[in-house]
Amino acid sequence: MVGVFLIAVNVYGLLMSLKHYERSRLHVTVASRYRDVLSDNTPVGGQTLNEARESGHQAHRERFPIPLIAGVRAYAMWSGLHLLLAVIGSWVAFYR
């Protein structure tokens, strides 16, 4: 019974994590379109907004040079956690 509960909760958690990721990507896409329009029309201090953004990304890559951490998407880690816990729930439900 506990195993079935673990499976159900983690399948739901996986679906919710993927939905949150999808919604965040929507908002990032829309915001980037707004930023592109602003960047083309309003240079600040000799830099466009997109140039300032790229400069910030470069500073971040220099501060966190480890690709294992910087290259992994958070949604993939959350999804992996839910899958792992669902597998553990399957083991508890069917093999214990």
Protein backbone atom coordinates (compact mmCIF):
# COMPACT_ATOMS: atom_id res chain seq x y z
CA MET A 1 0.00 0.00 0.00
CA VAL A 2 2.82 2.43 0.83
CA GLY A 3 4.52 1.59 -2.46
CA VAL A 4 1.42 2.39 -4.50
CA PHE A 5 1.11 5.70 -2.66
CA LEU A 6 4.77 6.52 -3.45
CA ILE A 7 4.19 5.74 -7.12
CA ALA A 8 1.04 7.89 -7.34
CA VAL A 9 2.52 10.87 -5.48
CA ASN A 10 5.70 10.86 -7.55
CA VAL A 11 3.97 10.47 -10.90
CA TYR A 12 1.86 13.48 -9.93
CA GLY A 13 5.00 15.34 -8.78
CA LEU A 14 6.71 14.56 -12.09
CA LEU A 15 3.75 15.87 -14.08
CA MET A 16 3.58 19.04 -11.98
CA SER A 17 7.34 19.62 -12.35
CA LEU A 18 7.07 19.29 -16.12
CA LYS A 19 4.06 21.63 -16.21
CA HIS A 20 5.90 24.26 -14.14
CA TYR A 21 8.86 23.97 -16.50
CA GLU A 22 6.61 24.42 -19.54
CA ARG A 23 4.98 27.52 -18.03
CA SER A 24 8.33 29.04 -17.04
CA ARG A 25 9.61 28.53 -20.59
CA LEU A 26 6.52 30.31 -21.91
CA HIS A 27 7.20 33.33 -19.71
CA VAL A 28 10.91 33.35 -20.57
CA THR A 29 10.08 33.26 -24.29
CA VAL A 30 7.62 36.15 -24.04
CA ALA A 31 9.99 38.18 -21.86
CA SER A 32 12.86 37.64 -24.31
CA ARG A 33 10.71 38.98 -27.14
CA TYR A 34 9.96 42.10 -25.06
CA ARG A 35 13.65 42.44 -24.23
CA ASP A 36 14.61 42.18 -27.91
CA VAL A 37 12.24 45.02 -28.82
CA LEU A 38 13.52 47.17 -25.95
CA SER A 39 17.14 46.32 -26.75
CA ASP A 40 16.78 47.39 -30.37
CA ASN A 41 15.24 50.73 -29.42
CA THR A 42 16.92 51.82 -26.19
CA PRO A 43 20.70 51.46 -25.83
CA VAL A 44 21.84 52.18 -22.27
CA GLY A 45 25.35 53.45 -21.64
CA GLY A 46 26.48 52.46 -25.12
CA GLN A 47 25.21 48.89 -24.70
CA THR A 48 21.99 47.32 -25.82
CA LEU A 49 20.06 45.33 -23.25
CA ASN A 50 20.99 42.10 -25.02
CA GLU A 51 24.69 42.99 -24.86
CA ALA A 52 24.35 43.70 -21.13
CA ARG A 53 22.54 40.39 -20.68
CA GLU A 54 25.30 38.49 -22.51
CA SER A 55 27.89 40.24 -20.35
CA GLY A 56 26.02 39.06 -17.26
CA HIS A 57 25.85 35.50 -18.59
CA GLN A 58 29.60 35.55 -19.25
CA ALA A 59 30.30 36.75 -15.69
CA HIS A 60 28.10 33.93 -14.38
CA ARG A 61 29.96 31.31 -16.47
CA GLU A 62 33.26 32.62 -15.10
CA ARG A 63 31.96 32.41 -11.53
CA PHE A 64 30.51 28.90 -11.98
CA PRO A 65 32.81 27.19 -14.50
CA ILE A 66 31.78 23.63 -13.59
CA PRO A 67 29.64 22.37 -16.49
CA LEU A 68 28.17 19.59 -14.33
CA ILE A 69 26.34 22.19 -12.24
CA ALA A 70 25.75 24.95 -14.78
CA GLY A 71 24.83 22.62 -17.64
CA VAL A 72 22.12 20.64 -15.86
CA ARG A 73 18.58 21.99 -15.99
CA ALA A 74 16.75 22.08 -12.67
CA TYR A 75 13.65 20.50 -14.20
CA ALA A 76 15.73 17.47 -15.20
CA MET A 77 16.94 17.05 -11.64
CA TRP A 78 13.41 17.35 -10.21
CA SER A 79 12.07 14.93 -12.83
CA GLY A 80 14.87 12.49 -12.04
CA LEU A 81 14.06 12.68 -8.33
CA HIS A 82 10.40 11.89 -8.95
CA LEU A 83 11.28 9.01 -11.27
CA LEU A 84 13.71 7.58 -8.73
CA LEU A 85 11.13 7.76 -5.94
CA ALA A 86 8.49 6.16 -8.20
CA VAL A 87 10.91 3.31 -8.92
CA ILE A 88 11.54 2.89 -5.19
CA GLY A 89 7.76 2.88 -4.69
CA SER A 90 7.46 0.15 -7.35
CA TRP A 91 10.09 -1.90 -5.58
CA VAL A 92 8.29 -1.48 -2.24
CA ALA A 93 4.90 -2.32 -3.78
CA PHE A 94 5.84 -5.33 -5.86
CA TYR A 95 9.11 -6.87 -4.62
CA ARG A 96 9.09 -6.42 -0.88
